[in-house]
Amino acid sequence: MSPVDTAPIDAAAARSGLVARALARAATAHAGQTRNGSGGLPYIEHPRMVAATLAERGYPDEILAAALLHDVVEDSDATVADLRAEFGEEIAGLVAVLSDDESIRSYRDRKDEHRARVVDADGGALAIYGADKLVNMTTLHAAIEAEGIKVADEYDVPLDLKLAVWEDDAAMLNSTAPELSLLAPLATAISRLAADLEAADPRLCT
């Protein structure tokens, strides 16, 4: 079961051709993939949850479409040019901003570079970025509750490093977009995940 209610994005797809097309494109791009740190959820559930988080808060269809597509360039053969041809410049531009630079090998350096790019983007990119981090932590917390800390084995980096990066992400959003309604849930998610890691192994939070 999804740890985030995805009914809002299903409703958006039912009323919006744009959102429906983005959902179908994301489903095709992520077919057969499993999301790390999710306890085995199909990958498509991640962008659905990110988009649902924003749909619930009344974001426009273009933002919802970009949220559904935000990992397509990172995790499939699709390119920004492909998305530009299919969905237009605004949505493709958002996906480009929200995609990691995979040429940066260090996890910390890659995430720092990405965060710096998002700072210079518009409010839509910041909202999707924040929703992505919130869903990541919410999903991981649910997986830890269900399976224990062994879900850490699904990641290529330690969970304490991921938590530190998410804390930096939240600090950036608090500074750059203090109006975001996601900030309070993000703070709660960080505290909850820190408690999960502390309970599993106090050394993870030292």
C-alpha atoms as a PDB file:
ATOM      1  CA  MET A   1       0.000   0.000   0.000  1.00  0.00           C
ATOM      2  CA  SER A   2       1.253   3.467  -0.884  1.00  0.00           C
ATOM      3  CA  PRO A   3       2.308   5.544   2.161  1.00  0.00           C
ATOM      4  CA  VAL A   4       0.877   8.659   0.448  1.00  0.00           C
ATOM      5  CA  ASP A   5      -2.695   8.967  -0.790  1.00  0.00           C
ATOM      6  CA  THR A   6      -2.491   9.107  -4.593  1.00  0.00           C
ATOM      7  CA  ALA A   7      -6.195   9.752  -5.160  1.00  0.00           C
ATOM      8  CA  PRO A   8      -5.581  13.484  -5.875  1.00  0.00           C
ATOM      9  CA  ILE A   9      -3.357  12.754  -8.870  1.00  0.00           C
ATOM     10  CA  ASP A  10      -5.716  10.080 -10.179  1.00  0.00           C
ATOM     11  CA  ALA A  11      -8.507  12.660 -10.023  1.00  0.00           C
ATOM     12  CA  ALA A  12      -6.310  15.202 -11.815  1.00  0.00           C
ATOM     13  CA  ALA A  13      -5.510  12.695 -14.559  1.00  0.00           C
ATOM     14  CA  ALA A  14      -9.214  11.946 -14.981  1.00  0.00           C
ATOM     15  CA  ARG A  15     -10.035  15.606 -15.670  1.00  0.00           C
ATOM     16  CA  SER A  16      -6.831  16.741 -17.459  1.00  0.00           C
ATOM     17  CA  GLY A  17      -5.496  15.351 -20.711  1.00  0.00           C
ATOM     18  CA  LEU A  18      -2.071  16.831 -19.966  1.00  0.00           C
ATOM     19  CA  VAL A  19      -1.801  15.131 -16.591  1.00  0.00           C
ATOM     20  CA  ALA A  20      -3.098  11.860 -18.032  1.00  0.00           C
ATOM     21  CA  ARG A  21      -0.459  11.954 -20.793  1.00  0.00           C
ATOM     22  CA  ALA A  22       2.300  12.678 -18.290  1.00  0.00           C
ATOM     23  CA  LEU A  23       1.160   9.829 -16.062  1.00  0.00           C
ATOM     24  CA  ALA A  24       1.118   7.416 -18.991  1.00  0.00           C
ATOM     25  CA  ARG A  25       4.575   8.589 -20.142  1.00  0.00           C
ATOM     26  CA  ALA A  26       6.008   8.163 -16.651  1.00  0.00           C
ATOM     27  CA  ALA A  27       4.455   4.704 -16.312  1.00  0.00           C
ATOM     28  CA  THR A  28       6.084   3.628 -19.576  1.00  0.00           C
ATOM     29  CA  ALA A  29       9.465   5.121 -18.634  1.00  0.00           C
ATOM     30  CA  HIS A  30       9.529   3.444 -15.215  1.00  0.00           C
ATOM     31  CA  ALA A  31       7.991   0.117 -16.236  1.00  0.00           C
ATOM     32  CA  GLY A  32       9.655  -2.774 -14.427  1.00  0.00           C
ATOM     33  CA  GLN A  33      11.615  -0.514 -12.065  1.00  0.00           C
ATOM     34  CA  THR A  34      11.498  -0.676  -8.251  1.00  0.00           C
ATOM     35  CA  ARG A  35      12.070   2.367  -6.074  1.00  0.00           C
ATOM     36  CA  ASN A  36      14.980   2.136  -3.619  1.00  0.00           C
ATOM     37  CA  GLY A  37      14.091   2.636   0.022  1.00  0.00           C
ATOM     38  CA  SER A  38      10.439   1.849  -0.601  1.00  0.00           C
ATOM     39  CA  GLY A  39      10.128  -1.731   0.571  1.00  0.00           C
ATOM     40  CA  GLY A  40       9.601  -2.922  -2.986  1.00  0.00           C
ATOM     41  CA  LEU A  41       7.128  -0.388  -4.392  1.00  0.00           C
ATOM     42  CA  PRO A  42       6.981  -0.090  -8.189  1.00  0.00           C
ATOM     43  CA  TYR A  43       8.943   3.006  -9.188  1.00  0.00           C
ATOM     44  CA  ILE A  44       5.914   4.713 -10.729  1.00  0.00           C
ATOM     45  CA  GLU A  45       4.410   5.041  -7.261  1.00  0.00           C
ATOM     46  CA  HIS A  46       7.095   7.584  -6.369  1.00  0.00           C
ATOM     47  CA  PRO A  47       6.232  10.214  -9.021  1.00  0.00           C
ATOM     48  CA  ARG A  48       2.532   9.500  -8.450  1.00  0.00           C
ATOM     49  CA  MET A  49       2.982  10.314  -4.748  1.00  0.00           C
ATOM     50  CA  VAL A  50       5.022  13.445  -5.491  1.00  0.00           C
ATOM     51  CA  ALA A  51       2.387  14.692  -7.925  1.00  0.00           C
ATOM     52  CA  ALA A  52      -0.446  13.770  -5.549  1.00  0.00           C
ATOM     53  CA  THR A  53       1.211  15.789  -2.783  1.00  0.00           C
ATOM     54  CA  LEU A  54       1.099  18.830  -5.053  1.00  0.00           C
ATOM     55  CA  ALA A  55      -2.360  18.127  -6.470  1.00  0.00           C
ATOM     56  CA  GLU A  56      -3.714  18.087  -2.945  1.00  0.00           C
ATOM     57  CA  ARG A  57      -2.310  21.597  -2.516  1.00  0.00           C
ATOM     58  CA  GLY A  58      -3.879  22.952  -5.695  1.00  0.00           C
ATOM     59  CA  TYR A  59      -0.860  23.242  -7.986  1.00  0.00           C
ATOM     60  CA  PRO A  60      -1.635  23.705 -11.712  1.00  0.00           C
ATOM     61  CA  ASP A  61      -1.607  20.906 -14.253  1.00  0.00           C
ATOM     62  CA  GLU A  62       1.777  21.876 -15.728  1.00  0.00           C
ATOM     63  CA  ILE A  63       3.406  21.435 -12.306  1.00  0.00           C
ATOM     64  CA  LEU A  64       1.613  18.124 -11.769  1.00  0.00           C
ATOM     65  CA  ALA A  65       2.773  16.889 -15.169  1.00  0.00           C
ATOM     66  CA  ALA A  66       6.381  17.875 -14.427  1.00  0.00           C
ATOM     67  CA  ALA A  67       6.142  16.166 -11.033  1.00  0.00           C
ATOM     68  CA  LEU A  68       5.015  12.948 -12.711  1.00  0.00           C
ATOM     69  CA  LEU A  69       7.913  13.194 -15.167  1.00  0.00           C
ATOM     70  CA  HIS A  70      10.605  14.497 -12.804  1.00  0.00           C
ATOM     71  CA  ASP A  71      12.669  11.264 -12.741  1.00  0.00           C
ATOM     72  CA  VAL A  72      12.135  10.207 -16.346  1.00  0.00           C
ATOM     73  CA  VAL A  73      15.379  11.723 -17.666  1.00  0.00           C
ATOM     74  CA  GLU A  74      17.424  10.354 -14.761  1.00  0.00           C
ATOM     75  CA  ASP A  75      16.003   6.846 -14.846  1.00  0.00           C
ATOM     76  CA  SER A  76      15.076   6.026 -18.432  1.00  0.00           C
ATOM     77  CA  ASP A  77      16.330   6.568 -21.961  1.00  0.00           C
ATOM     78  CA  ALA A  78      14.173   9.682 -22.395  1.00  0.00           C
ATOM     79  CA  THR A  79      15.908  13.025 -22.888  1.00  0.00           C
ATOM     80  CA  VAL A  80      14.905  16.579 -22.107  1.00  0.00           C
ATOM     81  CA  ALA A  81      14.542  17.083 -25.872  1.00  0.00           C
ATOM     82  CA  ASP A  82      12.088  14.173 -26.018  1.00  0.00           C
ATOM     83  CA  LEU A  83       9.981  15.715 -23.257  1.00  0.00           C
ATOM     84  CA  ARG A  84      10.166  19.126 -24.901  1.00  0.00           C
ATOM     85  CA  ALA A  85       8.716  17.650 -28.095  1.00  0.00           C
ATOM     86  CA  GLU A  86       5.994  15.817 -26.177  1.00  0.00           C
ATOM     87  CA  PHE A  87       5.067  18.304 -23.451  1.00  0.00           C
ATOM     88  CA  GLY A  88       6.530  21.698 -24.307  1.00  0.00           C
ATOM     89  CA  GLU A  89       9.269  23.928 -22.971  1.00  0.00           C
ATOM     90  CA  GLU A  90       7.834  24.694 -19.525  1.00  0.00           C
ATOM     91  CA  ILE A  91       7.465  21.083 -18.436  1.00  0.00           C
ATOM     92  CA  ALA A  92      10.714  19.945 -20.066  1.00  0.00           C
ATOM     93  CA  GLY A  93      12.546  22.836 -18.416  1.00  0.00           C
ATOM     94  CA  LEU A  94      11.225  21.858 -15.003  1.00  0.00           C
ATOM     95  CA  VAL A  95      12.309  18.253 -15.499  1.00  0.00           C
ATOM     96  CA  ALA A  96      15.762  19.423 -16.577  1.00  0.00           C
ATOM     97  CA  VAL A  97      16.157  21.482 -13.401  1.00  0.00           C
ATOM     98  CA  LEU A  98      14.936  18.574 -11.288  1.00  0.00           C
ATOM     99  CA  SER A  99      17.370  16.040 -12.797  1.00  0.00           C
ATOM    100  CA  ASP A 100      20.662  15.222 -11.097  1.00  0.00           C
ATOM    101  CA  ASP A 101      23.905  15.756 -13.003  1.00  0.00           C
ATOM    102  CA  GLU A 102      24.992  12.117 -13.134  1.00  0.00           C
ATOM    103  CA  SER A 103      28.464  13.094 -14.316  1.00  0.00           C
ATOM    104  CA  ILE A 104      29.233  14.198 -10.722  1.00  0.00           C
ATOM    105  CA  ARG A 105      30.321  10.992  -9.037  1.00  0.00           C
ATOM    106  CA  SER A 106      30.333  12.086  -5.392  1.00  0.00           C
ATOM    107  CA  TYR A 107      26.834  11.764  -3.914  1.00  0.00           C
ATOM    108  CA  ARG A 108      27.262  14.800  -1.672  1.00  0.00           C
ATOM    109  CA  ASP A 109      28.760  16.940  -4.441  1.00  0.00           C
ATOM    110  CA  ARG A 110      26.049  15.878  -6.882  1.00  0.00           C
ATOM    111  CA  LYS A 111      23.284  16.773  -4.444  1.00  0.00           C
ATOM    112  CA  ASP A 112      24.931  20.082  -3.537  1.00  0.00           C
ATOM    113  CA  GLU A 113      25.162  21.029  -7.223  1.00  0.00           C
ATOM    114  CA  HIS A 114      21.567  20.043  -7.800  1.00  0.00           C
ATOM    115  CA  ARG A 115      20.347  22.061  -4.822  1.00  0.00           C
ATOM    116  CA  ALA A 116      22.223  25.119  -6.083  1.00  0.00           C
ATOM    117  CA  ARG A 117      20.484  24.833  -9.463  1.00  0.00           C
ATOM    118  CA  VAL A 118      17.068  24.518  -7.863  1.00  0.00           C
ATOM    119  CA  VAL A 119      17.693  27.681  -5.812  1.00  0.00           C
ATOM    120  CA  ASP A 120      17.822  29.630  -9.078  1.00  0.00           C
ATOM    121  CA  ALA A 121      14.643  28.039 -10.456  1.00  0.00           C
ATOM    122  CA  ASP A 122      11.058  29.198 -10.177  1.00  0.00           C
ATOM    123  CA  GLY A 123       8.481  28.335  -7.547  1.00  0.00           C
ATOM    124  CA  GLY A 124       7.185  25.327  -9.440  1.00  0.00           C
ATOM    125  CA  ALA A 125      10.579  23.625  -9.394  1.00  0.00           C
ATOM    126  CA  LEU A 126      10.990  24.376  -5.699  1.00  0.00           C
ATOM    127  CA  ALA A 127       7.592  22.890  -4.929  1.00  0.00           C
ATOM    128  CA  ILE A 128       8.322  19.681  -6.848  1.00  0.00           C
ATOM    129  CA  TYR A 129      11.765  19.461  -5.249  1.00  0.00           C
ATOM    130  CA  GLY A 130      10.252  19.773  -1.782  1.00  0.00           C
ATOM    131  CA  ALA A 131       7.493  17.267  -2.509  1.00  0.00           C
ATOM    132  CA  ASP A 132      10.085  14.819  -3.804  1.00  0.00           C
ATOM    133  CA  LYS A 133      12.095  15.012  -0.579  1.00  0.00           C
ATOM    134  CA  LEU A 134       8.968  14.714   1.546  1.00  0.00           C
ATOM    135  CA  VAL A 135       7.812  11.617  -0.329  1.00  0.00           C
ATOM    136  CA  ASN A 136      11.297  10.082  -0.146  1.00  0.00           C
ATOM    137  CA  MET A 137      11.341  10.390   3.628  1.00  0.00           C
ATOM    138  CA  THR A 138       7.719   9.352   4.090  1.00  0.00           C
ATOM    139  CA  THR A 139       8.266   6.259   1.951  1.00  0.00           C
ATOM    140  CA  LEU A 140      11.485   5.361   3.750  1.00  0.00           C
ATOM    141  CA  HIS A 141       9.835   5.746   7.163  1.00  0.00           C
ATOM    142  CA  ALA A 142       7.016   3.421   6.095  1.00  0.00           C
ATOM    143  CA  ALA A 143       9.535   0.878   4.776  1.00  0.00           C
ATOM    144  CA  ILE A 144      11.528   0.994   8.019  1.00  0.00           C
ATOM    145  CA  GLU A 145       8.350   0.464  10.020  1.00  0.00           C
ATOM    146  CA  ALA A 146       7.442  -2.527   7.846  1.00  0.00           C
ATOM    147  CA  GLU A 147      10.850  -4.130   7.311  1.00  0.00           C
ATOM    148  CA  GLY A 148      13.302  -2.560   9.733  1.00  0.00           C
ATOM    149  CA  ILE A 149      16.555  -0.801   9.023  1.00  0.00           C
ATOM    150  CA  LYS A 150      17.558  -3.459   6.479  1.00  0.00           C
ATOM    151  CA  VAL A 151      15.995  -1.187   3.833  1.00  0.00           C
ATOM    152  CA  ALA A 152      19.308   0.692   4.062  1.00  0.00           C
ATOM    153  CA  ASP A 153      20.730  -2.070   1.873  1.00  0.00           C
ATOM    154  CA  GLU A 154      18.671  -0.722  -1.034  1.00  0.00           C
ATOM    155  CA  TYR A 155      20.773   2.460  -1.155  1.00  0.00           C
ATOM    156  CA  ASP A 156      24.270   3.053  -2.476  1.00  0.00           C
ATOM    157  CA  VAL A 157      25.059   5.534   0.327  1.00  0.00           C
ATOM    158  CA  PRO A 158      24.549   5.419   4.107  1.00  0.00           C
ATOM    159  CA  LEU A 159      21.208   6.584   5.481  1.00  0.00           C
ATOM    160  CA  ASP A 160      22.836   9.127   7.763  1.00  0.00           C
ATOM    161  CA  LEU A 161      24.332  10.814   4.679  1.00  0.00           C
ATOM    162  CA  LYS A 162      20.959  10.823   2.945  1.00  0.00           C
ATOM    163  CA  LEU A 163      19.379  12.363   6.048  1.00  0.00           C
ATOM    164  CA  ALA A 164      22.070  15.055   6.175  1.00  0.00           C
ATOM    165  CA  VAL A 165      21.392  15.916   2.525  1.00  0.00           C
ATOM    166  CA  TRP A 166      17.637  16.071   3.161  1.00  0.00           C
ATOM    167  CA  GLU A 167      18.278  18.387   6.102  1.00  0.00           C
ATOM    168  CA  ASP A 168      20.271  20.661   3.785  1.00  0.00           C
ATOM    169  CA  ASP A 169      17.446  20.509   1.240  1.00  0.00           C
ATOM    170  CA  ALA A 170      14.902  21.553   3.861  1.00  0.00           C
ATOM    171  CA  ALA A 171      17.138  24.399   5.037  1.00  0.00           C
ATOM    172  CA  MET A 172      17.417  25.667   1.462  1.00  0.00           C
ATOM    173  CA  LEU A 173      13.651  25.548   0.981  1.00  0.00           C
ATOM    174  CA  ASN A 174      13.047  27.347   4.264  1.00  0.00           C
ATOM    175  CA  SER A 175      15.386  30.106   3.152  1.00  0.00           C
ATOM    176  CA  THR A 176      14.368  30.309  -0.511  1.00  0.00           C
ATOM    177  CA  ALA A 177      10.639  29.526  -0.407  1.00  0.00           C
ATOM    178  CA  PRO A 178       9.330  30.178   3.119  1.00  0.00           C
ATOM    179  CA  GLU A 179       5.793  30.312   1.742  1.00  0.00           C
ATOM    180  CA  LEU A 180       5.766  26.626   0.775  1.00  0.00           C
ATOM    181  CA  SER A 181       3.115  24.637   2.624  1.00  0.00           C
ATOM    182  CA  LEU A 182       5.454  21.635   2.489  1.00  0.00           C
ATOM    183  CA  LEU A 183       7.917  23.042   5.011  1.00  0.00           C
ATOM    184  CA  ALA A 184       6.152  21.892   8.169  1.00  0.00           C
ATOM    185  CA  PRO A 185       5.614  18.331   6.859  1.00  0.00           C
ATOM    186  CA  LEU A 186       9.268  18.260   5.784  1.00  0.00           C
ATOM    187  CA  ALA A 187      10.416  19.190   9.285  1.00  0.00           C
ATOM    188  CA  THR A 188       8.214  16.478  10.754  1.00  0.00           C
ATOM    189  CA  ALA A 189       9.519  13.902   8.278  1.00  0.00           C
ATOM    190  CA  ILE A 190      13.136  14.754   9.082  1.00  0.00           C
ATOM    191  CA  SER A 191      12.546  14.448  12.827  1.00  0.00           C
ATOM    192  CA  ARG A 192      10.719  11.155  12.373  1.00  0.00           C
ATOM    193  CA  LEU A 193      13.439   9.692  10.170  1.00  0.00           C
ATOM    194  CA  ALA A 194      16.171  10.836  12.558  1.00  0.00           C
ATOM    195  CA  ALA A 195      14.313   9.007  15.323  1.00  0.00           C
ATOM    196  CA  ASP A 196      14.088   5.894  13.108  1.00  0.00           C
ATOM    197  CA  LEU A 197      17.847   5.917  12.575  1.00  0.00           C
ATOM    198  CA  GLU A 198      18.571   6.615  16.229  1.00  0.00           C
ATOM    199  CA  ALA A 199      16.391   3.702  17.281  1.00  0.00           C
ATOM    200  CA  ALA A 200      18.059   1.381  14.777  1.00  0.00           C
ATOM    201  CA  ASP A 201      21.622   2.369  15.644  1.00  0.00           C
ATOM    202  CA  PRO A 202      22.597   5.427  17.697  1.00  0.00           C
ATOM    203  CA  ARG A 203      25.891   5.601  15.796  1.00  0.00           C
ATOM    204  CA  LEU A 204      23.974   6.598  12.635  1.00  0.00           C
ATOM    205  CA  CYS A 205      23.055   9.951  14.165  1.00  0.00           C
ATOM    206  CA  THR A 206      26.337  10.901  15.829  1.00  0.00           C
END
